[in-house]
PDB file of N, CA and C in Angstrom:
ATOM      1  N   UNK A   1      76.777   7.724  39.549  1.00  0.00           N
ATOM      2  CA  UNK A   1      75.800   7.538  40.603  1.00  0.00           C
ATOM      3  C   UNK A   1      74.970   8.807  40.741  1.00  0.00           C
ATOM      4  N   UNK A   2      73.664   8.637  40.725  1.00  0.00           N
ATOM      5  CA  UNK A   2      72.756   9.766  40.939  1.00  0.00           C
ATOM      6  C   UNK A   2      72.158   9.648  42.340  1.00  0.00           C
ATOM      7  N   UNK A   3      72.073  10.765  43.010  1.00  0.00           N
ATOM      8  CA  UNK A   3      71.544  10.811  44.374  1.00  0.00           C
ATOM      9  C   UNK A   3      70.372  11.779  44.414  1.00  0.00           C
ATOM     10  N   UNK A   4      69.307  11.369  45.062  1.00  0.00           N
ATOM     11  CA  UNK A   4      68.122  12.216  45.166  1.00  0.00           C
ATOM     12  C   UNK A   4      67.586  12.186  46.583  1.00  0.00           C
ATOM     13  N   UNK A   5      67.605  13.350  47.221  1.00  0.00           N
ATOM     14  CA  UNK A   5      67.094  13.462  48.584  1.00  0.00           C
ATOM     15  C   UNK A   5      65.601  13.771  48.566  1.00  0.00           C
ATOM     16  N   UNK A   6      64.908  13.322  49.599  1.00  0.00           N
ATOM     17  CA  UNK A   6      63.484  13.595  49.742  1.00  0.00           C
ATOM     18  C   UNK A   6      63.118  13.573  51.215  1.00  0.00           C
ATOM     19  N   UNK A   7      61.905  14.029  51.516  1.00  0.00           N
ATOM     20  CA  UNK A   7      61.420  13.968  52.885  1.00  0.00           C
ATOM     21  C   UNK A   7      61.412  15.286  53.628  1.00  0.00           C
ATOM     22  N   UNK A   8      61.877  16.344  52.981  1.00  0.00           N
ATOM     23  CA  UNK A   8      61.885  17.633  53.636  1.00  0.00           C
ATOM     24  C   UNK A   8      60.485  18.185  53.832  1.00  0.00           C
ATOM     25  N   UNK A   9      60.401  19.272  54.574  1.00  0.00           N
ATOM     26  CA  UNK A   9      59.110  19.898  54.817  1.00  0.00           C
ATOM     27  C   UNK A   9      59.227  21.025  55.810  1.00  0.00           C
ATOM     28  N   UNK A  10      58.081  21.529  56.216  1.00  0.00           N
ATOM     29  CA  UNK A  10      58.016  22.620  57.198  1.00  0.00           C
ATOM     30  C   UNK A  10      57.472  22.061  58.506  1.00  0.00           C
ATOM     31  N   UNK A  11      58.223  22.262  59.575  1.00  0.00           N
ATOM     32  CA  UNK A  11      57.839  21.726  60.883  1.00  0.00           C
ATOM     33  C   UNK A  11      58.050  22.784  61.952  1.00  0.00           C
ATOM     34  N   UNK A  12      57.593  22.469  63.148  1.00  0.00           N
ATOM     35  CA  UNK A  12      57.786  23.343  64.304  1.00  0.00           C
ATOM     36  C   UNK A  12      59.042  22.912  65.063  1.00  0.00           C
ATOM     37  N   UNK A  13      59.597  23.843  65.790  1.00  0.00           N
ATOM     38  CA  UNK A  13      60.740  23.526  66.647  1.00  0.00           C
ATOM     39  C   UNK A  13      60.359  22.394  67.595  1.00  0.00           C
ATOM     40  N   UNK A  14      61.280  21.436  67.746  1.00  0.00           N
ATOM     41  CA  UNK A  14      61.026  20.280  68.595  1.00  0.00           C
ATOM     42  C   UNK A  14      60.487  19.073  67.845  1.00  0.00           C
ATOM     43  N   UNK A  15      60.025  19.281  66.618  1.00  0.00           N
ATOM     44  CA  UNK A  15      59.503  18.183  65.815  1.00  0.00           C
ATOM     45  C   UNK A  15      60.637  17.333  65.232  1.00  0.00           C
ATOM     46  N   UNK A  16      60.236  16.258  64.575  1.00  0.00           N
ATOM     47  CA  UNK A  16      61.191  15.354  63.927  1.00  0.00           C
ATOM     48  C   UNK A  16      60.864  15.212  62.446  1.00  0.00           C
ATOM     49  N   UNK A  17      61.889  14.903  61.678  1.00  0.00           N
ATOM     50  CA  UNK A  17      61.743  14.597  60.257  1.00  0.00           C
ATOM     51  C   UNK A  17      62.750  13.523  59.900  1.00  0.00           C
ATOM     52  N   UNK A  18      62.403  12.703  58.924  1.00  0.00           N
ATOM     53  CA  UNK A  18      63.365  11.738  58.400  1.00  0.00           C
ATOM     54  C   UNK A  18      63.541  11.982  56.911  1.00  0.00           C
ATOM     55  N   UNK A  19      64.757  12.270  56.534  1.00  0.00           N
ATOM     56  CA  UNK A  19      65.088  12.449  55.131  1.00  0.00           C
ATOM     57  C   UNK A  19      65.619  11.138  54.557  1.00  0.00           C
ATOM     58  N   UNK A  20      65.384  10.951  53.279  1.00  0.00           N
ATOM     59  CA  UNK A  20      65.896   9.787  52.570  1.00  0.00           C
ATOM     60  C   UNK A  20      66.708  10.253  51.374  1.00  0.00           C
ATOM     61  N   UNK A  21      67.681   9.465  51.007  1.00  0.00           N
ATOM     62  CA  UNK A  21      68.462   9.746  49.807  1.00  0.00           C
ATOM     63  C   UNK A  21      68.697   8.425  49.092  1.00  0.00           C
ATOM     64  N   UNK A  22      68.142   8.328  47.911  1.00  0.00           N
ATOM     65  CA  UNK A  22      68.268   7.090  47.143  1.00  0.00           C
ATOM     66  C   UNK A  22      69.306   7.250  46.049  1.00  0.00           C
ATOM     67  N   UNK A  23      70.168   6.259  45.937  1.00  0.00           N
ATOM     68  CA  UNK A  23      71.201   6.249  44.906  1.00  0.00           C
ATOM     69  C   UNK A  23      70.751   5.364  43.755  1.00  0.00           C
ATOM     70  N   UNK A  24      71.076   5.780  42.552  1.00  0.00           N
ATOM     71  CA  UNK A  24      70.745   4.989  41.374  1.00  0.00           C
ATOM     72  C   UNK A  24      71.843   5.152  40.338  1.00  0.00           C
ATOM     73  N   UNK A  25      71.946   4.167  39.455  1.00  0.00           N
ATOM     74  CA  UNK A  25      72.964   4.238  38.415  1.00  0.00           C
ATOM     75  C   UNK A  25      74.352   4.035  38.989  1.00  0.00           C
ATOM     76  N   UNK A  26      75.292   3.632  38.197  1.00  0.00           N
ATOM     77  CA  UNK A  26      76.662   3.489  38.628  1.00  0.00           C
ATOM     78  C   UNK A  26      76.851   2.405  39.675  1.00  0.00           C
ATOM     79  N   UNK A  27      77.990   2.460  40.347  1.00  0.00           N
ATOM     80  CA  UNK A  27      78.338   1.470  41.352  1.00  0.00           C
ATOM     81  C   UNK A  27      78.223   2.102  42.733  1.00  0.00           C
ATOM     82  N   UNK A  28      77.239   1.639  43.461  1.00  0.00           N
ATOM     83  CA  UNK A  28      76.961   2.168  44.800  1.00  0.00           C
ATOM     84  C   UNK A  28      77.811   1.474  45.856  1.00  0.00           C
ATOM     85  N   UNK A  29      78.257   0.284  45.531  1.00  0.00           N
ATOM     86  CA  UNK A  29      78.964  -0.548  46.494  1.00  0.00           C
ATOM     87  C   UNK A  29      80.205   0.136  47.047  1.00  0.00           C
ATOM     88  N   UNK A  30      80.349   0.050  48.363  1.00  0.00           N
ATOM     89  CA  UNK A  30      81.545   0.557  49.019  1.00  0.00           C
ATOM     90  C   UNK A  30      81.559   2.031  49.317  1.00  0.00           C
ATOM     91  N   UNK A  31      80.528   2.737  48.935  1.00  0.00           N
ATOM     92  CA  UNK A  31      80.525   4.188  49.126  1.00  0.00           C
ATOM     93  C   UNK A  31      80.007   4.583  50.502  1.00  0.00           C
ATOM     94  N   UNK A  32      80.768   5.424  51.190  1.00  0.00           N
ATOM     95  CA  UNK A  32      80.258   6.084  52.384  1.00  0.00           C
ATOM     96  C   UNK A  32      79.385   7.245  51.919  1.00  0.00           C
ATOM     97  N   UNK A  33      78.282   7.465  52.612  1.00  0.00           N
ATOM     98  CA  UNK A  33      77.343   8.508  52.208  1.00  0.00           C
ATOM     99  C   UNK A  33      77.149   9.518  53.325  1.00  0.00           C
ATOM    100  N   UNK A  34      77.158  10.768  52.925  1.00  0.00           N
ATOM    101  CA  UNK A  34      77.031  11.825  53.913  1.00  0.00           C
ATOM    102  C   UNK A  34      75.898  12.778  53.603  1.00  0.00           C
ATOM    103  N   UNK A  35      75.576  13.595  54.586  1.00  0.00           N
ATOM    104  CA  UNK A  35      74.578  14.642  54.444  1.00  0.00           C
ATOM    105  C   UNK A  35      75.238  15.993  54.693  1.00  0.00           C
ATOM    106  N   UNK A  36      74.845  16.950  53.893  1.00  0.00           N
ATOM    107  CA  UNK A  36      75.305  18.321  54.058  1.00  0.00           C
ATOM    108  C   UNK A  36      74.080  19.221  54.005  1.00  0.00           C
ATOM    109  N   UNK A  37      74.233  20.460  54.433  1.00  0.00           N
ATOM    110  CA  UNK A  37      73.127  21.405  54.343  1.00  0.00           C
ATOM    111  C   UNK A  37      73.659  22.779  53.986  1.00  0.00           C
ATOM    112  N   UNK A  38      72.788  23.568  53.413  1.00  0.00           N
ATOM    113  CA  UNK A  38      73.208  24.891  52.980  1.00  0.00           C
ATOM    114  C   UNK A  38      72.060  25.871  53.100  1.00  0.00           C
ATOM    115  N   UNK A  39      72.400  27.020  53.632  1.00  0.00           N
ATOM    116  CA  UNK A  39      71.478  28.144  53.721  1.00  0.00           C
ATOM    117  C   UNK A  39      71.919  29.156  52.668  1.00  0.00           C
ATOM    118  N   UNK A  40      70.995  29.755  51.945  1.00  0.00           N
ATOM    119  CA  UNK A  40      71.389  30.739  50.925  1.00  0.00           C
ATOM    120  C   UNK A  40      72.311  31.808  51.500  1.00  0.00           C
ATOM    121  N   UNK A  41      73.403  32.030  50.798  1.00  0.00           N
ATOM    122  CA  UNK A  41      74.349  33.051  51.218  1.00  0.00           C
ATOM    123  C   UNK A  41      75.405  32.556  52.188  1.00  0.00           C
ATOM    124  N   UNK A  42      75.303  31.283  52.584  1.00  0.00           N
ATOM    125  CA  UNK A  42      76.279  30.716  53.507  1.00  0.00           C
ATOM    126  C   UNK A  42      76.954  29.500  52.879  1.00  0.00           C
ATOM    127  N   UNK A  43      78.072  29.115  53.448  1.00  0.00           N
ATOM    128  CA  UNK A  43      78.795  27.965  52.941  1.00  0.00           C
ATOM    129  C   UNK A  43      78.062  26.669  53.281  1.00  0.00           C
ATOM    130  N   UNK A  44      78.301  25.667  52.449  1.00  0.00           N
ATOM    131  CA  UNK A  44      77.723  24.359  52.708  1.00  0.00           C
ATOM    132  C   UNK A  44      78.330  23.800  53.990  1.00  0.00           C
ATOM    133  N   UNK A  45      77.504  23.155  54.785  1.00  0.00           N
ATOM    134  CA  UNK A  45      77.925  22.660  56.098  1.00  0.00           C
ATOM    135  C   UNK A  45      77.793  21.144  56.161  1.00  0.00           C
ATOM    136  N   UNK A  46      78.821  20.482  56.620  1.00  0.00           N
ATOM    137  CA  UNK A  46      78.782  19.040  56.857  1.00  0.00           C
ATOM    138  C   UNK A  46      77.799  18.751  57.994  1.00  0.00           C
ATOM    139  N   UNK A  47      76.973  17.711  57.814  1.00  0.00           N
ATOM    140  CA  UNK A  47      76.005  17.322  58.843  1.00  0.00           C
ATOM    141  C   UNK A  47      76.372  15.973  59.456  1.00  0.00           C
ATOM    142  N   UNK A  48      76.516  14.957  58.641  1.00  0.00           N
ATOM    143  CA  UNK A  48      76.826  13.634  59.155  1.00  0.00           C
ATOM    144  C   UNK A  48      77.165  12.686  58.021  1.00  0.00           C
ATOM    145  N   UNK A  49      77.739  11.537  58.379  1.00  0.00           N
ATOM    146  CA  UNK A  49      78.143  10.568  57.369  1.00  0.00           C
ATOM    147  C   UNK A  49      78.126   9.177  57.973  1.00  0.00           C
ATOM    148  N   UNK A  50      77.951   8.186  57.115  1.00  0.00           N
ATOM    149  CA  UNK A  50      77.969   6.793  57.544  1.00  0.00           C
ATOM    150  C   UNK A  50      78.782   5.995  56.544  1.00  0.00           C
ATOM    151  N   UNK A  51      79.567   5.042  57.058  1.00  0.00           N
ATOM    152  CA  UNK A  51      80.387   4.245  56.152  1.00  0.00           C
ATOM    153  C   UNK A  51      79.533   3.187  55.457  1.00  0.00           C
ATOM    154  N   UNK A  52      80.156   2.467  54.525  1.00  0.00           N
ATOM    155  CA  UNK A  52      79.420   1.481  53.722  1.00  0.00           C
ATOM    156  C   UNK A  52      78.781   0.408  54.592  1.00  0.00           C
ATOM    157  N   UNK A  53      79.483   0.005  55.662  1.00  0.00           N
ATOM    158  CA  UNK A  53      79.014  -1.087  56.495  1.00  0.00           C
ATOM    159  C   UNK A  53      77.963  -0.646  57.514  1.00  0.00           C
ATOM    160  N   UNK A  54      77.774   0.668  57.620  1.00  0.00           N
ATOM    161  CA  UNK A  54      76.819   1.166  58.597  1.00  0.00           C
ATOM    162  C   UNK A  54      77.333   1.093  60.017  1.00  0.00           C
ATOM    163  N   UNK A  55      78.623   0.951  60.189  1.00  0.00           N
ATOM    164  CA  UNK A  55      79.196   0.761  61.523  1.00  0.00           C
ATOM    165  C   UNK A  55      79.839   2.031  62.079  1.00  0.00           C
ATOM    166  N   UNK A  56      80.272   2.896  61.211  1.00  0.00           N
ATOM    167  CA  UNK A  56      80.997   4.091  61.637  1.00  0.00           C
ATOM    168  C   UNK A  56      80.286   5.342  61.144  1.00  0.00           C
ATOM    169  N   UNK A  57      80.096   6.287  62.044  1.00  0.00           N
ATOM    170  CA  UNK A  57      79.443   7.539  61.700  1.00  0.00           C
ATOM    171  C   UNK A  57      80.249   8.718  62.240  1.00  0.00           C
ATOM    172  N   UNK A  58      79.942   9.871  61.735  1.00  0.00           N
ATOM    173  CA  UNK A  58      80.534  11.110  62.232  1.00  0.00           C
ATOM    174  C   UNK A  58      79.478  12.190  62.061  1.00  0.00           C
ATOM    175  N   UNK A  59      79.432  13.116  63.016  1.00  0.00           N
ATOM    176  CA  UNK A  59      78.422  14.161  62.991  1.00  0.00           C
ATOM    177  C   UNK A  59      79.041  15.513  63.301  1.00  0.00           C
ATOM    178  N   UNK A  60      78.429  16.540  62.741  1.00  0.00           N
ATOM    179  CA  UNK A  60      78.795  17.885  63.139  1.00  0.00           C
ATOM    180  C   UNK A  60      78.370  18.100  64.587  1.00  0.00           C
ATOM    181  N   UNK A  61      79.125  18.896  65.302  1.00  0.00           N
ATOM    182  CA  UNK A  61      78.808  19.151  66.704  1.00  0.00           C
ATOM    183  C   UNK A  61      77.412  19.755  66.869  1.00  0.00           C
ATOM    184  N   UNK A  62      76.987  20.524  65.884  1.00  0.00           N
ATOM    185  CA  UNK A  62      75.699  21.214  65.977  1.00  0.00           C
ATOM    186  C   UNK A  62      74.500  20.267  65.935  1.00  0.00           C
ATOM    187  N   UNK A  63      74.707  19.037  65.461  1.00  0.00           N
ATOM    188  CA  UNK A  63      73.591  18.098  65.343  1.00  0.00           C
ATOM    189  C   UNK A  63      73.799  16.841  66.170  1.00  0.00           C
ATOM    190  N   UNK A  64      74.963  16.684  66.762  1.00  0.00           N
ATOM    191  CA  UNK A  64      75.276  15.471  67.510  1.00  0.00           C
ATOM    192  C   UNK A  64      74.273  15.288  68.642  1.00  0.00           C
ATOM    193  N   UNK A  65      73.752  14.064  68.744  1.00  0.00           N
ATOM    194  CA  UNK A  65      72.765  13.775  69.773  1.00  0.00           C
ATOM    195  C   UNK A  65      71.338  14.018  69.324  1.00  0.00           C
ATOM    196  N   UNK A  66      71.154  14.721  68.226  1.00  0.00           N
ATOM    197  CA  UNK A  66      69.799  14.989  67.697  1.00  0.00           C
ATOM    198  C   UNK A  66      69.567  14.311  66.355  1.00  0.00           C
ATOM    199  N   UNK A  67      70.596  14.206  65.546  1.00  0.00           N
ATOM    200  CA  UNK A  67      70.484  13.614  64.206  1.00  0.00           C
ATOM    201  C   UNK A  67      71.165  12.258  64.175  1.00  0.00           C
ATOM    202  N   UNK A  68      70.612  11.351  63.370  1.00  0.00           N
ATOM    203  CA  UNK A  68      71.185  10.019  63.203  1.00  0.00           C
ATOM    204  C   UNK A  68      71.173   9.645  61.720  1.00  0.00           C
ATOM    205  N   UNK A  69      72.329   9.238  61.228  1.00  0.00           N
ATOM    206  CA  UNK A  69      72.440   8.754  59.859  1.00  0.00           C
ATOM    207  C   UNK A  69      72.409   7.227  59.868  1.00  0.00           C
ATOM    208  N   UNK A  70      71.636   6.656  58.963  1.00  0.00           N
ATOM    209  CA  UNK A  70      71.580   5.202  58.823  1.00  0.00           C
ATOM    210  C   UNK A  70      71.472   4.885  57.334  1.00  0.00           C
ATOM    211  N   UNK A  71      71.564   3.596  57.019  1.00  0.00           N
ATOM    212  CA  UNK A  71      71.482   3.229  55.609  1.00  0.00           C
ATOM    213  C   UNK A  71      70.922   1.834  55.452  1.00  0.00           C
ATOM    214  N   UNK A  72      70.370   1.596  54.274  1.00  0.00           N
ATOM    215  CA  UNK A  72      69.875   0.281  53.889  1.00  0.00           C
ATOM    216  C   UNK A  72      70.478  -0.010  52.512  1.00  0.00           C
ATOM    217  N   UNK A  73      71.499  -0.815  52.483  1.00  0.00           N
ATOM    218  CA  UNK A  73      72.211  -1.058  51.221  1.00  0.00           C
ATOM    219  C   UNK A  73      71.379  -1.865  50.235  1.00  0.00           C
ATOM    220  N   UNK A  74      70.430  -2.634  50.722  1.00  0.00           N
ATOM    221  CA  UNK A  74      69.561  -3.375  49.812  1.00  0.00           C
ATOM    222  C   UNK A  74      68.664  -2.432  49.029  1.00  0.00           C
ATOM    223  N   UNK A  75      68.357  -1.303  49.639  1.00  0.00           N
ATOM    224  CA  UNK A  75      67.513  -0.301  48.979  1.00  0.00           C
ATOM    225  C   UNK A  75      68.327   0.843  48.394  1.00  0.00           C
ATOM    226  N   UNK A  76      69.649   0.764  48.507  1.00  0.00           N
ATOM    227  CA  UNK A  76      70.519   1.851  48.009  1.00  0.00           C
ATOM    228  C   UNK A  76      70.089   3.199  48.582  1.00  0.00           C
ATOM    229  N   UNK A  77      69.779   3.207  49.844  1.00  0.00           N
ATOM    230  CA  UNK A  77      69.222   4.414  50.453  1.00  0.00           C
ATOM    231  C   UNK A  77      69.919   4.737  51.764  1.00  0.00           C
ATOM    232  N   UNK A  78      70.164   6.009  51.981  1.00  0.00           N
ATOM    233  CA  UNK A  78      70.685   6.504  53.247  1.00  0.00           C
ATOM    234  C   UNK A  78      69.638   7.434  53.849  1.00  0.00           C
ATOM    235  N   UNK A  79      69.564   7.443  55.176  1.00  0.00           N
ATOM    236  CA  UNK A  79      68.551   8.217  55.885  1.00  0.00           C
ATOM    237  C   UNK A  79      69.211   9.211  56.840  1.00  0.00           C
ATOM    238  N   UNK A  80      68.473  10.265  57.107  1.00  0.00           N
ATOM    239  CA  UNK A  80      68.873  11.226  58.131  1.00  0.00           C
ATOM    240  C   UNK A  80      67.668  11.456  59.038  1.00  0.00           C
ATOM    241  N   UNK A  81      67.726  10.869  60.225  1.00  0.00           N
ATOM    242  CA  UNK A  81      66.672  11.073  61.216  1.00  0.00           C
ATOM    243  C   UNK A  81      67.012  12.319  62.008  1.00  0.00           C
ATOM    244  N   UNK A  82      66.133  13.288  61.985  1.00  0.00           N
ATOM    245  CA  UNK A  82      66.380  14.560  62.667  1.00  0.00           C
ATOM    246  C   UNK A  82      65.343  14.746  63.763  1.00  0.00           C
ATOM    247  N   UNK A  83      65.804  14.781  64.993  1.00  0.00           N
ATOM    248  CA  UNK A  83      64.925  14.950  66.147  1.00  0.00           C
ATOM    249  C   UNK A  83      65.191  16.296  66.811  1.00  0.00           C
ATOM    250  N   UNK A  84      64.224  16.749  67.573  1.00  0.00           N
ATOM    251  CA  UNK A  84      64.361  18.007  68.300  1.00  0.00           C
ATOM    252  C   UNK A  84      64.881  19.118  67.389  1.00  0.00           C
ATOM    253  N   UNK A  85      64.220  19.299  66.287  1.00  0.00           N
ATOM    254  CA  UNK A  85      64.670  20.282  65.302  1.00  0.00           C
ATOM    255  C   UNK A  85      64.590  21.699  65.847  1.00  0.00           C
ATOM    256  N   UNK A  86      65.540  22.510  65.406  1.00  0.00           N
ATOM    257  CA  UNK A  86      65.634  23.899  65.836  1.00  0.00           C
ATOM    258  C   UNK A  86      65.545  24.812  64.609  1.00  0.00           C
ATOM    259  N   UNK A  87      65.140  26.051  64.792  1.00  0.00           N
ATOM    260  CA  UNK A  87      65.067  26.976  63.653  1.00  0.00           C
ATOM    261  C   UNK A  87      66.391  27.080  62.896  1.00  0.00           C
ATOM    262  N   UNK A  88      67.497  26.955  63.608  1.00  0.00           N
ATOM    263  CA  UNK A  88      68.798  27.047  62.934  1.00  0.00           C
ATOM    264  C   UNK A  88      69.117  25.830  62.082  1.00  0.00           C
ATOM    265  N   UNK A  89      68.268  24.808  62.129  1.00  0.00           N
ATOM    266  CA  UNK A  89      68.435  23.652  61.243  1.00  0.00           C
ATOM    267  C   UNK A  89      67.813  23.902  59.869  1.00  0.00           C
ATOM    268  N   UNK A  90      67.136  25.010  59.711  1.00  0.00           N
ATOM    269  CA  UNK A  90      66.518  25.343  58.431  1.00  0.00           C
ATOM    270  C   UNK A  90      67.582  25.458  57.346  1.00  0.00           C
ATOM    271  N   UNK A  91      67.426  24.685  56.276  1.00  0.00           N
ATOM    272  CA  UNK A  91      68.414  24.656  55.195  1.00  0.00           C
ATOM    273  C   UNK A  91      67.923  23.713  54.099  1.00  0.00           C
ATOM    274  N   UNK A  92      68.656  23.697  53.011  1.00  0.00           N
ATOM    275  CA  UNK A  92      68.473  22.668  51.992  1.00  0.00           C
ATOM    276  C   UNK A  92      69.447  21.545  52.313  1.00  0.00           C
ATOM    277  N   UNK A  93      68.919  20.359  52.470  1.00  0.00           N
ATOM    278  CA  UNK A  93      69.726  19.203  52.840  1.00  0.00           C
ATOM    279  C   UNK A  93      69.967  18.342  51.595  1.00  0.00           C
ATOM    280  N   UNK A  94      71.236  17.970  51.413  1.00  0.00           N
ATOM    281  CA  UNK A  94      71.620  17.140  50.277  1.00  0.00           C
ATOM    282  C   UNK A  94      72.461  15.978  50.771  1.00  0.00           C
ATOM    283  N   UNK A  95      72.486  14.933  49.975  1.00  0.00           N
ATOM    284  CA  UNK A  95      73.368  13.817  50.282  1.00  0.00           C
ATOM    285  C   UNK A  95      74.512  13.794  49.274  1.00  0.00           C
ATOM    286  N   UNK A  96      75.592  13.166  49.673  1.00  0.00           N
ATOM    287  CA  UNK A  96      76.779  13.115  48.826  1.00  0.00           C
ATOM    288  C   UNK A  96      77.548  11.838  49.128  1.00  0.00           C
ATOM    289  N   UNK A  97      78.274  11.364  48.136  1.00  0.00           N
ATOM    290  CA  UNK A  97      79.053  10.140  48.264  1.00  0.00           C
ATOM    291  C   UNK A  97      80.534  10.477  48.414  1.00  0.00           C
ATOM    292  N   UNK A  98      81.128   9.851  49.399  1.00  0.00           N
ATOM    293  CA  UNK A  98      82.542  10.090  49.688  1.00  0.00           C
ATOM    294  C   UNK A  98      83.417   9.304  48.709  1.00  0.00           C
ATOM    295  N   UNK A  99      84.477   9.888  48.282  1.00  0.00           N
ATOM    296  CA  UNK A  99      85.427   9.210  47.410  1.00  0.00           C
ATOM    297  C   UNK A  99      85.947   7.954  48.099  1.00  0.00           C
ATOM    298  N   UNK A 100      85.973   6.841  47.387  1.00  0.00           N
ATOM    299  CA  UNK A 100      86.475   5.585  47.946  1.00  0.00           C
ATOM    300  C   UNK A 100      87.927   5.751  48.369  1.00  0.00           C
ATOM    301  N   UNK A 101      88.248   5.190  49.525  1.00  0.00           N
ATOM    302  CA  UNK A 101      89.611   5.243  50.014  1.00  0.00           C
ATOM    303  C   UNK A 101      89.944   6.478  50.829  1.00  0.00           C
ATOM    304  N   UNK A 102      88.984   7.388  50.984  1.00  0.00           N
ATOM    305  CA  UNK A 102      89.239   8.596  51.772  1.00  0.00           C
ATOM    306  C   UNK A 102      89.480   8.238  53.229  1.00  0.00           C
ATOM    307  N   UNK A 103      90.521   8.807  53.787  1.00  0.00           N
ATOM    308  CA  UNK A 103      90.775   8.588  55.207  1.00  0.00           C
ATOM    309  C   UNK A 103      89.634   9.200  56.029  1.00  0.00           C
ATOM    310  N   UNK A 104      89.208   8.483  57.048  1.00  0.00           N
ATOM    311  CA  UNK A 104      88.053   8.923  57.820  1.00  0.00           C
ATOM    312  C   UNK A 104      88.283  10.280  58.485  1.00  0.00           C
ATOM    313  N   UNK A 105      89.514  10.662  58.672  1.00  0.00           N
ATOM    314  CA  UNK A 105      89.803  11.972  59.267  1.00  0.00           C
ATOM    315  C   UNK A 105      89.433  13.120  58.324  1.00  0.00           C
ATOM    316  N   UNK A 106      89.153  12.802  57.053  1.00  0.00           N
ATOM    317  CA  UNK A 106      88.890  13.833  56.058  1.00  0.00           C
ATOM    318  C   UNK A 106      87.430  13.852  55.606  1.00  0.00           C
ATOM    319  N   UNK A 107      86.538  13.153  56.290  1.00  0.00           N
ATOM    320  CA  UNK A 107      85.169  13.006  55.804  1.00  0.00           C
ATOM    321  C   UNK A 107      84.368  14.307  55.868  1.00  0.00           C
ATOM    322  N   UNK A 108      84.858  15.294  56.596  1.00  0.00           N
ATOM    323  CA  UNK A 108      84.134  16.556  56.683  1.00  0.00           C
ATOM    324  C   UNK A 108      84.564  17.544  55.595  1.00  0.00           C
ATOM    325  N   UNK A 109      85.506  17.127  54.768  1.00  0.00           N
ATOM    326  CA  UNK A 109      86.035  18.022  53.740  1.00  0.00           C
ATOM    327  C   UNK A 109      85.262  17.858  52.439  1.00  0.00           C
ATOM    328  N   UNK A 110      84.727  18.947  51.957  1.00  0.00           N
ATOM    329  CA  UNK A 110      83.889  18.931  50.766  1.00  0.00           C
ATOM    330  C   UNK A 110      84.619  18.359  49.549  1.00  0.00           C
ATOM    331  N   UNK A 111      85.887  18.587  49.435  1.00  0.00           N
ATOM    332  CA  UNK A 111      86.653  18.119  48.276  1.00  0.00           C
ATOM    333  C   UNK A 111      86.727  16.601  48.179  1.00  0.00           C
ATOM    334  N   UNK A 112      86.408  15.903  49.261  1.00  0.00           N
ATOM    335  CA  UNK A 112      86.503  14.439  49.268  1.00  0.00           C
ATOM    336  C   UNK A 112      85.236  13.770  48.741  1.00  0.00           C
ATOM    337  N   UNK A 113      84.234  14.570  48.386  1.00  0.00           N
ATOM    338  CA  UNK A 113      82.975  14.005  47.917  1.00  0.00           C
ATOM    339  C   UNK A 113      82.932  14.062  46.390  1.00  0.00           C
ATOM    340  N   UNK A 114      82.491  12.959  45.779  1.00  0.00           N
ATOM    341  CA  UNK A 114      82.548  12.872  44.328  1.00  0.00           C
ATOM    342  C   UNK A 114      81.181  12.912  43.664  1.00  0.00           C
ATOM    343  N   UNK A 115      80.131  12.546  44.379  1.00  0.00           N
ATOM    344  CA  UNK A 115      78.787  12.601  43.821  1.00  0.00           C
ATOM    345  C   UNK A 115      77.914  13.433  44.754  1.00  0.00           C
ATOM    346  N   UNK A 116      77.140  14.312  44.162  1.00  0.00           N
ATOM    347  CA  UNK A 116      76.268  15.189  44.937  1.00  0.00           C
ATOM    348  C   UNK A 116      74.838  15.051  44.439  1.00  0.00           C
ATOM    349  N   UNK A 117      73.912  15.041  45.388  1.00  0.00           N
ATOM    350  CA  UNK A 117      72.513  14.917  45.009  1.00  0.00           C
ATOM    351  C   UNK A 117      71.775  16.226  45.094  1.00  0.00           C
ATOM    352  N   UNK A 118      70.603  16.235  44.472  1.00  0.00           N
ATOM    353  CA  UNK A 118      69.730  17.402  44.581  1.00  0.00           C
ATOM    354  C   UNK A 118      69.093  17.399  45.961  1.00  0.00           C
ATOM    355  N   UNK A 119      68.979  18.563  46.574  1.00  0.00           N
ATOM    356  CA  UNK A 119      68.566  18.636  47.956  1.00  0.00           C
ATOM    357  C   UNK A 119      67.075  18.717  48.183  1.00  0.00           C
ATOM    358  N   UNK A 120      66.727  18.722  49.453  1.00  0.00           N
ATOM    359  CA  UNK A 120      65.350  18.867  49.887  1.00  0.00           C
ATOM    360  C   UNK A 120      65.304  19.923  50.988  1.00  0.00           C
ATOM    361  N   UNK A 121      64.308  20.777  50.935  1.00  0.00           N
ATOM    362  CA  UNK A 121      64.218  21.898  51.865  1.00  0.00           C
ATOM    363  C   UNK A 121      63.624  21.466  53.198  1.00  0.00           C
ATOM    364  N   UNK A 122      64.281  21.883  54.267  1.00  0.00           N
ATOM    365  CA  UNK A 122      63.763  21.698  55.624  1.00  0.00           C
ATOM    366  C   UNK A 122      63.612  23.071  56.247  1.00  0.00           C
ATOM    367  N   UNK A 123      62.421  23.367  56.705  1.00  0.00           N
ATOM    368  CA  UNK A 123      62.144  24.659  57.337  1.00  0.00           C
ATOM    369  C   UNK A 123      61.586  24.409  58.727  1.00  0.00           C
ATOM    370  N   UNK A 124      62.247  24.987  59.730  1.00  0.00           N
ATOM    371  CA  UNK A 124      61.833  24.815  61.118  1.00  0.00           C
ATOM    372  C   UNK A 124      61.448  26.177  61.677  1.00  0.00           C
ATOM    373  N   UNK A 125      60.225  26.290  62.123  1.00  0.00           N
ATOM    374  CA  UNK A 125      59.755  27.559  62.667  1.00  0.00           C
ATOM    375  C   UNK A 125      59.657  27.462  64.189  1.00  0.00           C
ATOM    376  N   UNK A 126      59.840  28.594  64.828  1.00  0.00           N
ATOM    377  CA  UNK A 126      59.831  28.613  66.293  1.00  0.00           C
ATOM    378  C   UNK A 126      58.435  28.780  66.845  1.00  0.00           C
TER     379      UNK A 126
END
C-alpha cells in the first residue's frame, strides 16, 4: 500500500487546512489510518487515527477539539481537518496505516504502523 499526503501549505494562526491522504496499491480494506507529524530534530508525534468503519477515532491531547480525522473508503482517502491552527502545529504531516488486529490501546505506538506515506508541510505563522 502506498500512501501520499497532500493539502499542506502556509497559513496564519487561527486558519484552517484540510489534508488528504490517498492510498493506492495493495489491500486497503480493513486498515485503520492515522496521521503523524514531525518537526526537524524532534521525534515523530501521533496526531489522530480513524478505524476502517469511520466510527472510532483517537487524538493527541494537543489537537483534540481542533483536528478531525475522517475517511472515504470509496475514494481510498483519509482526511485531517485542522481548525484554529497554532504556530506549534507547524510540521510535516504524514499518514500511516495501522497493522491489522492492533489493539486500540496501542494505536499511538509507532511500531504498530506498517505503511508510511510521504508527508506534506504545514506552516503556521503567528
